[in-house]
Amino acid sequence: MKTITINVSSETYHAFQEYAAQNNRTASELIRNAMEEYRRSYLREDQSIFDAPPANAGSILKDLTPEDDLLQEMLE
């Protein structure tokens, strides 16, 4: 394992220490687990766009008309 130094507020660190003591763990273990969970959720290098959930872009503002279609212009 790589040893690192991080800066957090005293309040945050004390909250981790209290939770760790109540659960027979160390604050370091909790922080390692939190970092690993973050890495798995947000830093996945092998993630495909097809793995992402669909995004909602809102409602249709207006229907497309034949003049809105760019396909014909692209084919010319």
PDB file of N, CA and C in Angstrom:
ATOM      1  N   MET A   1       0.831  -1.181   0.000  1.00  0.00           N
ATOM      2  CA  MET A   1       0.000   0.000   0.000  1.00  0.00           C
ATOM      3  C   MET A   1       0.877   1.247   0.000  1.00  0.00           C
ATOM      4  N   LYS A   2       0.373   2.283  -0.622  1.00  0.00           N
ATOM      5  CA  LYS A   2       1.057   3.568  -0.693  1.00  0.00           C
ATOM      6  C   LYS A   2       0.568   4.450   0.451  1.00  0.00           C
ATOM      7  N   THR A   3       1.485   5.031   1.200  1.00  0.00           N
ATOM      8  CA  THR A   3       1.131   5.956   2.270  1.00  0.00           C
ATOM      9  C   THR A   3       0.952   7.343   1.667  1.00  0.00           C
ATOM     10  N   ILE A   4      -0.169   7.992   2.014  1.00  0.00           N
ATOM     11  CA  ILE A   4      -0.440   9.340   1.512  1.00  0.00           C
ATOM     12  C   ILE A   4      -0.804  10.245   2.687  1.00  0.00           C
ATOM     13  N   THR A   5      -0.782  11.539   2.440  1.00  0.00           N
ATOM     14  CA  THR A   5      -1.209  12.522   3.428  1.00  0.00           C
ATOM     15  C   THR A   5      -2.366  13.299   2.833  1.00  0.00           C
ATOM     16  N   ILE A   6      -3.447  13.424   3.598  1.00  0.00           N
ATOM     17  CA  ILE A   6      -4.582  14.228   3.145  1.00  0.00           C
ATOM     18  C   ILE A   6      -4.918  15.243   4.231  1.00  0.00           C
ATOM     19  N   ASN A   7      -5.527  16.335   3.839  1.00  0.00           N
ATOM     20  CA  ASN A   7      -5.965  17.355   4.785  1.00  0.00           C
ATOM     21  C   ASN A   7      -7.484  17.381   4.810  1.00  0.00           C
ATOM     22  N   VAL A   8      -8.044  17.195   5.994  1.00  0.00           N
ATOM     23  CA  VAL A   8      -9.491  17.273   6.189  1.00  0.00           C
ATOM     24  C   VAL A   8      -9.745  18.136   7.414  1.00  0.00           C
ATOM     25  N   SER A   9     -10.967  18.608   7.534  1.00  0.00           N
ATOM     26  CA  SER A   9     -11.302  19.411   8.704  1.00  0.00           C
ATOM     27  C   SER A   9     -11.269  18.540   9.954  1.00  0.00           C
ATOM     28  N   SER A  10     -11.037  19.165  11.085  1.00  0.00           N
ATOM     29  CA  SER A  10     -11.035  18.428  12.358  1.00  0.00           C
ATOM     30  C   SER A  10     -12.373  17.749  12.585  1.00  0.00           C
ATOM     31  N   GLU A  11     -13.440  18.446  12.238  1.00  0.00           N
ATOM     32  CA  GLU A  11     -14.791  17.902  12.413  1.00  0.00           C
ATOM     33  C   GLU A  11     -14.972  16.608  11.613  1.00  0.00           C
ATOM     34  N   THR A  12     -14.520  16.614  10.364  1.00  0.00           N
ATOM     35  CA  THR A  12     -14.639  15.425   9.517  1.00  0.00           C
ATOM     36  C   THR A  12     -13.809  14.278  10.077  1.00  0.00           C
ATOM     37  N   TYR A  13     -12.583  14.573  10.476  1.00  0.00           N
ATOM     38  CA  TYR A  13     -11.720  13.514  11.000  1.00  0.00           C
ATOM     39  C   TYR A  13     -12.283  12.927  12.290  1.00  0.00           C
ATOM     40  N   HIS A  14     -12.789  13.776  13.176  1.00  0.00           N
ATOM     41  CA  HIS A  14     -13.371  13.278  14.429  1.00  0.00           C
ATOM     42  C   HIS A  14     -14.600  12.423  14.153  1.00  0.00           C
ATOM     43  N   ALA A  15     -15.386  12.794  13.153  1.00  0.00           N
ATOM     44  CA  ALA A  15     -16.559  11.987  12.793  1.00  0.00           C
ATOM     45  C   ALA A  15     -16.116  10.602  12.319  1.00  0.00           C
ATOM     46  N   PHE A  16     -15.050  10.545  11.516  1.00  0.00           N
ATOM     47  CA  PHE A  16     -14.520   9.255  11.070  1.00  0.00           C
ATOM     48  C   PHE A  16     -13.985   8.451  12.254  1.00  0.00           C
ATOM     49  N   GLN A  17     -13.278   9.115  13.161  1.00  0.00           N
ATOM     50  CA  GLN A  17     -12.732   8.418  14.328  1.00  0.00           C
ATOM     51  C   GLN A  17     -13.849   7.835  15.197  1.00  0.00           C
ATOM     52  N   GLU A  18     -14.892   8.614  15.435  1.00  0.00           N
ATOM     53  CA  GLU A  18     -16.007   8.142  16.260  1.00  0.00           C
ATOM     54  C   GLU A  18     -16.709   6.954  15.611  1.00  0.00           C
ATOM     55  N   TYR A  19     -16.995   7.073  14.315  1.00  0.00           N
ATOM     56  CA  TYR A  19     -17.671   5.976  13.616  1.00  0.00           C
ATOM     57  C   TYR A  19     -16.796   4.726  13.610  1.00  0.00           C
ATOM     58  N   ALA A  20     -15.514   4.917  13.383  1.00  0.00           N
ATOM     59  CA  ALA A  20     -14.587   3.784  13.349  1.00  0.00           C
ATOM     60  C   ALA A  20     -14.543   3.087  14.710  1.00  0.00           C
ATOM     61  N   ALA A  21     -14.476   3.852  15.784  1.00  0.00           N
ATOM     62  CA  ALA A  21     -14.422   3.264  17.125  1.00  0.00           C
ATOM     63  C   ALA A  21     -15.690   2.479  17.433  1.00  0.00           C
ATOM     64  N   GLN A  22     -16.835   2.997  17.006  1.00  0.00           N
ATOM     65  CA  GLN A  22     -18.111   2.319  17.254  1.00  0.00           C
ATOM     66  C   GLN A  22     -18.220   1.012  16.472  1.00  0.00           C
ATOM     67  N   ASN A  23     -17.460   0.894  15.390  1.00  0.00           N
ATOM     68  CA  ASN A  23     -17.548  -0.282  14.522  1.00  0.00           C
ATOM     69  C   ASN A  23     -16.277  -1.129  14.524  1.00  0.00           C
ATOM     70  N   ASN A  24     -15.441  -0.922  15.553  1.00  0.00           N
ATOM     71  CA  ASN A  24     -14.194  -1.693  15.701  1.00  0.00           C
ATOM     72  C   ASN A  24     -13.332  -1.671  14.441  1.00  0.00           C
ATOM     73  N   ARG A  25     -13.190  -0.488  13.882  1.00  0.00           N
ATOM     74  CA  ARG A  25     -12.357  -0.298  12.698  1.00  0.00           C
ATOM     75  C   ARG A  25     -11.476   0.920  12.938  1.00  0.00           C
ATOM     76  N   THR A  26     -10.595   1.205  12.002  1.00  0.00           N
ATOM     77  CA  THR A  26      -9.775   2.415  12.115  1.00  0.00           C
ATOM     78  C   THR A  26     -10.289   3.456  11.126  1.00  0.00           C
ATOM     79  N   ALA A  27      -9.998   4.720  11.434  1.00  0.00           N
ATOM     80  CA  ALA A  27     -10.376   5.792  10.512  1.00  0.00           C
ATOM     81  C   ALA A  27      -9.672   5.594   9.171  1.00  0.00           C
ATOM     82  N   SER A  28      -8.436   5.125   9.213  1.00  0.00           N
ATOM     83  CA  SER A  28      -7.690   4.867   7.970  1.00  0.00           C
ATOM     84  C   SER A  28      -8.401   3.840   7.104  1.00  0.00           C
ATOM     85  N   GLU A  29      -8.921   2.800   7.741  1.00  0.00           N
ATOM     86  CA  GLU A  29      -9.637   1.761   6.993  1.00  0.00           C
ATOM     87  C   GLU A  29     -10.893   2.331   6.335  1.00  0.00           C
ATOM     88  N   LEU A  30     -11.622   3.160   7.075  1.00  0.00           N
ATOM     89  CA  LEU A  30     -12.834   3.771   6.512  1.00  0.00           C
ATOM     90  C   LEU A  30     -12.496   4.654   5.315  1.00  0.00           C
ATOM     91  N   ILE A  31     -11.438   5.436   5.454  1.00  0.00           N
ATOM     92  CA  ILE A  31     -11.047   6.345   4.369  1.00  0.00           C
ATOM     93  C   ILE A  31     -10.557   5.554   3.159  1.00  0.00           C
ATOM     94  N   ARG A  32      -9.785   4.483   3.389  1.00  0.00           N
ATOM     95  CA  ARG A  32      -9.357   3.617   2.274  1.00  0.00           C
ATOM     96  C   ARG A  32     -10.562   3.044   1.546  1.00  0.00           C
ATOM     97  N   ASN A  33     -11.526   2.545   2.309  1.00  0.00           N
ATOM     98  CA  ASN A  33     -12.728   1.971   1.695  1.00  0.00           C
ATOM     99  C   ASN A  33     -13.510   3.022   0.916  1.00  0.00           C
ATOM    100  N   ALA A  34     -13.607   4.230   1.468  1.00  0.00           N
ATOM    101  CA  ALA A  34     -14.322   5.309   0.778  1.00  0.00           C
ATOM    102  C   ALA A  34     -13.617   5.677  -0.528  1.00  0.00           C
ATOM    103  N   MET A  35     -12.296   5.734  -0.491  1.00  0.00           N
ATOM    104  CA  MET A  35     -11.545   6.054  -1.708  1.00  0.00           C
ATOM    105  C   MET A  35     -11.698   4.959  -2.756  1.00  0.00           C
ATOM    106  N   GLU A  36     -11.691   3.711  -2.328  1.00  0.00           N
ATOM    107  CA  GLU A  36     -11.850   2.600  -3.270  1.00  0.00           C
ATOM    108  C   GLU A  36     -13.241   2.618  -3.892  1.00  0.00           C
ATOM    109  N   GLU A  37     -14.251   2.892  -3.089  1.00  0.00           N
ATOM    110  CA  GLU A  37     -15.620   2.971  -3.604  1.00  0.00           C
ATOM    111  C   GLU A  37     -15.744   4.110  -4.622  1.00  0.00           C
ATOM    112  N   TYR A  38     -15.134   5.252  -4.324  1.00  0.00           N
ATOM    113  CA  TYR A  38     -15.147   6.383  -5.253  1.00  0.00           C
ATOM    114  C   TYR A  38     -14.453   6.000  -6.560  1.00  0.00           C
ATOM    115  N   ARG A  39     -13.311   5.339  -6.447  1.00  0.00           N
ATOM    116  CA  ARG A  39     -12.574   4.918  -7.654  1.00  0.00           C
ATOM    117  C   ARG A  39     -13.413   3.989  -8.506  1.00  0.00           C
ATOM    118  N   ARG A  40     -14.056   3.011  -7.879  1.00  0.00           N
ATOM    119  CA  ARG A  40     -14.887   2.066  -8.632  1.00  0.00           C
ATOM    120  C   ARG A  40     -16.071   2.760  -9.291  1.00  0.00           C
ATOM    121  N   SER A  41     -16.643   3.747  -8.615  1.00  0.00           N
ATOM    122  CA  SER A  41     -17.847   4.398  -9.131  1.00  0.00           C
ATOM    123  C   SER A  41     -17.567   5.464 -10.180  1.00  0.00           C
ATOM    124  N   TYR A  42     -16.479   6.209 -10.013  1.00  0.00           N
ATOM    125  CA  TYR A  42     -16.273   7.382 -10.857  1.00  0.00           C
ATOM    126  C   TYR A  42     -15.016   7.365 -11.711  1.00  0.00           C
ATOM    127  N   LEU A  43     -14.058   6.522 -11.405  1.00  0.00           N
ATOM    128  CA  LEU A  43     -12.787   6.568 -12.125  1.00  0.00           C
ATOM    129  C   LEU A  43     -12.531   5.328 -12.965  1.00  0.00           C
ATOM    130  N   ARG A  44     -13.562   4.627 -13.323  1.00  0.00           N
ATOM    131  CA  ARG A  44     -13.393   3.401 -14.100  1.00  0.00           C
ATOM    132  C   ARG A  44     -12.898   3.734 -15.499  1.00  0.00           C
ATOM    133  N   GLU A  45     -11.743   3.219 -15.837  1.00  0.00           N
ATOM    134  CA  GLU A  45     -11.163   3.482 -17.151  1.00  0.00           C
ATOM    135  C   GLU A  45     -11.818   2.656 -18.243  1.00  0.00           C
ATOM    136  N   ASP A  46     -12.361   1.508 -17.882  1.00  0.00           N
ATOM    137  CA  ASP A  46     -12.938   0.619 -18.882  1.00  0.00           C
ATOM    138  C   ASP A  46     -14.419   0.889 -19.118  1.00  0.00           C
ATOM    139  N   GLN A  47     -14.920   1.981 -18.578  1.00  0.00           N
ATOM    140  CA  GLN A  47     -16.342   2.274 -18.691  1.00  0.00           C
ATOM    141  C   GLN A  47     -16.685   2.728 -20.111  1.00  0.00           C
ATOM    142  N   SER A  48     -17.724   2.149 -20.648  1.00  0.00           N
ATOM    143  CA  SER A  48     -18.202   2.494 -21.980  1.00  0.00           C
ATOM    144  C   SER A  48     -19.376   3.452 -21.860  1.00  0.00           C
ATOM    145  N   ILE A  49     -19.587   4.254 -22.867  1.00  0.00           N
ATOM    146  CA  ILE A  49     -20.747   5.140 -22.878  1.00  0.00           C
ATOM    147  C   ILE A  49     -22.039   4.328 -22.840  1.00  0.00           C
ATOM    148  N   PHE A  50     -21.964   3.096 -23.332  1.00  0.00           N
ATOM    149  CA  PHE A  50     -23.144   2.241 -23.329  1.00  0.00           C
ATOM    150  C   PHE A  50     -23.479   1.729 -21.928  1.00  0.00           C
ATOM    151  N   ASP A  51     -22.538   1.842 -20.989  1.00  0.00           N
ATOM    152  CA  ASP A  51     -22.779   1.439 -19.609  1.00  0.00           C
ATOM    153  C   ASP A  51     -23.481   2.531 -18.808  1.00  0.00           C
ATOM    154  N   ALA A  52     -23.448   3.749 -19.311  1.00  0.00           N
ATOM    155  CA  ALA A  52     -24.038   4.876 -18.586  1.00  0.00           C
ATOM    156  C   ALA A  52     -25.562   4.829 -18.675  1.00  0.00           C
ATOM    157  N   PRO A  53     -26.228   5.283 -17.620  1.00  0.00           N
ATOM    158  CA  PRO A  53     -27.687   5.315 -17.675  1.00  0.00           C
ATOM    159  C   PRO A  53     -28.140   6.384 -18.668  1.00  0.00           C
ATOM    160  N   PRO A  54     -29.315   6.214 -19.274  1.00  0.00           N
ATOM    161  CA  PRO A  54     -29.790   7.221 -20.222  1.00  0.00           C
ATOM    162  C   PRO A  54     -30.045   8.550 -19.521  1.00  0.00           C
ATOM    163  N   ALA A  55     -29.777   9.619 -20.223  1.00  0.00           N
ATOM    164  CA  ALA A  55     -29.989  10.957 -19.675  1.00  0.00           C
ATOM    165  C   ALA A  55     -31.325  11.500 -20.154  1.00  0.00           C
ATOM    166  N   ASN A  56     -31.979  12.251 -19.308  1.00  0.00           N
ATOM    167  CA  ASN A  56     -33.237  12.885 -19.665  1.00  0.00           C
ATOM    168  C   ASN A  56     -32.935  14.315 -20.084  1.00  0.00           C
ATOM    169  N   ALA A  57     -33.202  14.650 -21.333  1.00  0.00           N
ATOM    170  CA  ALA A  57     -32.936  15.990 -21.839  1.00  0.00           C
ATOM    171  C   ALA A  57     -34.158  16.890 -21.737  1.00  0.00           C
ATOM    172  N   GLY A  58     -35.212  16.423 -21.106  1.00  0.00           N
ATOM    173  CA  GLY A  58     -36.411  17.236 -20.954  1.00  0.00           C
ATOM    174  C   GLY A  58     -37.452  16.885 -21.996  1.00  0.00           C
ATOM    175  N   SER A  59     -38.435  17.751 -22.106  1.00  0.00           N
ATOM    176  CA  SER A  59     -39.529  17.489 -23.040  1.00  0.00           C
ATOM    177  C   SER A  59     -39.207  18.047 -24.426  1.00  0.00           C
ATOM    178  N   ILE A  60     -39.954  17.596 -25.405  1.00  0.00           N
ATOM    179  CA  ILE A  60     -39.795  18.078 -26.777  1.00  0.00           C
ATOM    180  C   ILE A  60     -40.325  19.503 -26.842  1.00  0.00           C
ATOM    181  N   LEU A  61     -39.515  20.418 -27.350  1.00  0.00           N
ATOM    182  CA  LEU A  61     -39.932  21.811 -27.442  1.00  0.00           C
ATOM    183  C   LEU A  61     -40.813  22.048 -28.656  1.00  0.00           C
ATOM    184  N   LYS A  62     -40.465  21.412 -29.772  1.00  0.00           N
ATOM    185  CA  LYS A  62     -41.305  21.484 -30.968  1.00  0.00           C
ATOM    186  C   LYS A  62     -40.975  20.296 -31.849  1.00  0.00           C
ATOM    187  N   ASP A  63     -41.936  19.865 -32.628  1.00  0.00           N
ATOM    188  CA  ASP A  63     -41.721  18.748 -33.539  1.00  0.00           C
ATOM    189  C   ASP A  63     -40.830  19.180 -34.695  1.00  0.00           C
ATOM    190  N   LEU A  64     -40.054  18.231 -35.210  1.00  0.00           N
ATOM    191  CA  LEU A  64     -39.216  18.508 -36.368  1.00  0.00           C
ATOM    192  C   LEU A  64     -40.075  18.617 -37.620  1.00  0.00           C
ATOM    193  N   THR A  65     -39.668  19.493 -38.500  1.00  0.00           N
ATOM    194  CA  THR A  65     -40.327  19.630 -39.798  1.00  0.00           C
ATOM    195  C   THR A  65     -39.366  19.107 -40.857  1.00  0.00           C
ATOM    196  N   PRO A  66     -39.838  18.874 -42.074  1.00  0.00           N
ATOM    197  CA  PRO A  66     -38.918  18.428 -43.133  1.00  0.00           C
ATOM    198  C   PRO A  66     -37.749  19.395 -43.338  1.00  0.00           C
ATOM    199  N   GLU A  67     -37.972  20.682 -43.088  1.00  0.00           N
ATOM    200  CA  GLU A  67     -36.897  21.668 -43.251  1.00  0.00           C
ATOM    201  C   GLU A  67     -35.815  21.510 -42.180  1.00  0.00           C
ATOM    202  N   ASP A  68     -36.167  20.899 -41.060  1.00  0.00           N
ATOM    203  CA  ASP A  68     -35.202  20.702 -39.975  1.00  0.00           C
ATOM    204  C   ASP A  68     -34.267  19.524 -40.238  1.00  0.00           C
ATOM    205  N   ASP A  69     -34.615  18.674 -41.177  1.00  0.00           N
ATOM    206  CA  ASP A  69     -33.827  17.476 -41.443  1.00  0.00           C
ATOM    207  C   ASP A  69     -32.571  17.841 -42.229  1.00  0.00           C
ATOM    208  N   LEU A  70     -31.417  17.554 -41.687  1.00  0.00           N
ATOM    209  CA  LEU A  70     -30.148  17.885 -42.337  1.00  0.00           C
ATOM    210  C   LEU A  70     -29.600  16.749 -43.186  1.00  0.00           C
ATOM    211  N   LEU A  71     -30.258  15.603 -43.160  1.00  0.00           N
ATOM    212  CA  LEU A  71     -29.730  14.457 -43.884  1.00  0.00           C
ATOM    213  C   LEU A  71     -29.547  14.760 -45.367  1.00  0.00           C
ATOM    214  N   GLN A  72     -30.546  15.346 -45.992  1.00  0.00           N
ATOM    215  CA  GLN A  72     -30.448  15.630 -47.422  1.00  0.00           C
ATOM    216  C   GLN A  72     -29.279  16.570 -47.707  1.00  0.00           C
ATOM    217  N   GLU A  73     -29.093  17.599 -46.866  1.00  0.00           N
ATOM    218  CA  GLU A  73     -27.974  18.522 -47.058  1.00  0.00           C
ATOM    219  C   GLU A  73     -26.636  17.803 -46.898  1.00  0.00           C
ATOM    220  N   MET A  74     -26.575  16.863 -45.996  1.00  0.00           N
ATOM    221  CA  MET A  74     -25.331  16.132 -45.776  1.00  0.00           C
ATOM    222  C   MET A  74     -25.010  15.222 -46.952  1.00  0.00           C
ATOM    223  N   LEU A  75     -26.027  14.702 -47.622  1.00  0.00           N
ATOM    224  CA  LEU A  75     -25.817  13.787 -48.735  1.00  0.00           C
ATOM    225  C   LEU A  75     -25.472  14.504 -50.031  1.00  0.00           C
ATOM    226  N   GLU A  76     -25.730  15.774 -50.114  1.00  0.00           N
ATOM    227  CA  GLU A  76     -25.459  16.525 -51.355  1.00  0.00           C
ATOM    228  C   GLU A  76     -24.006  16.885 -51.489  1.00  0.00           C
TER     229      GLU A  76
END
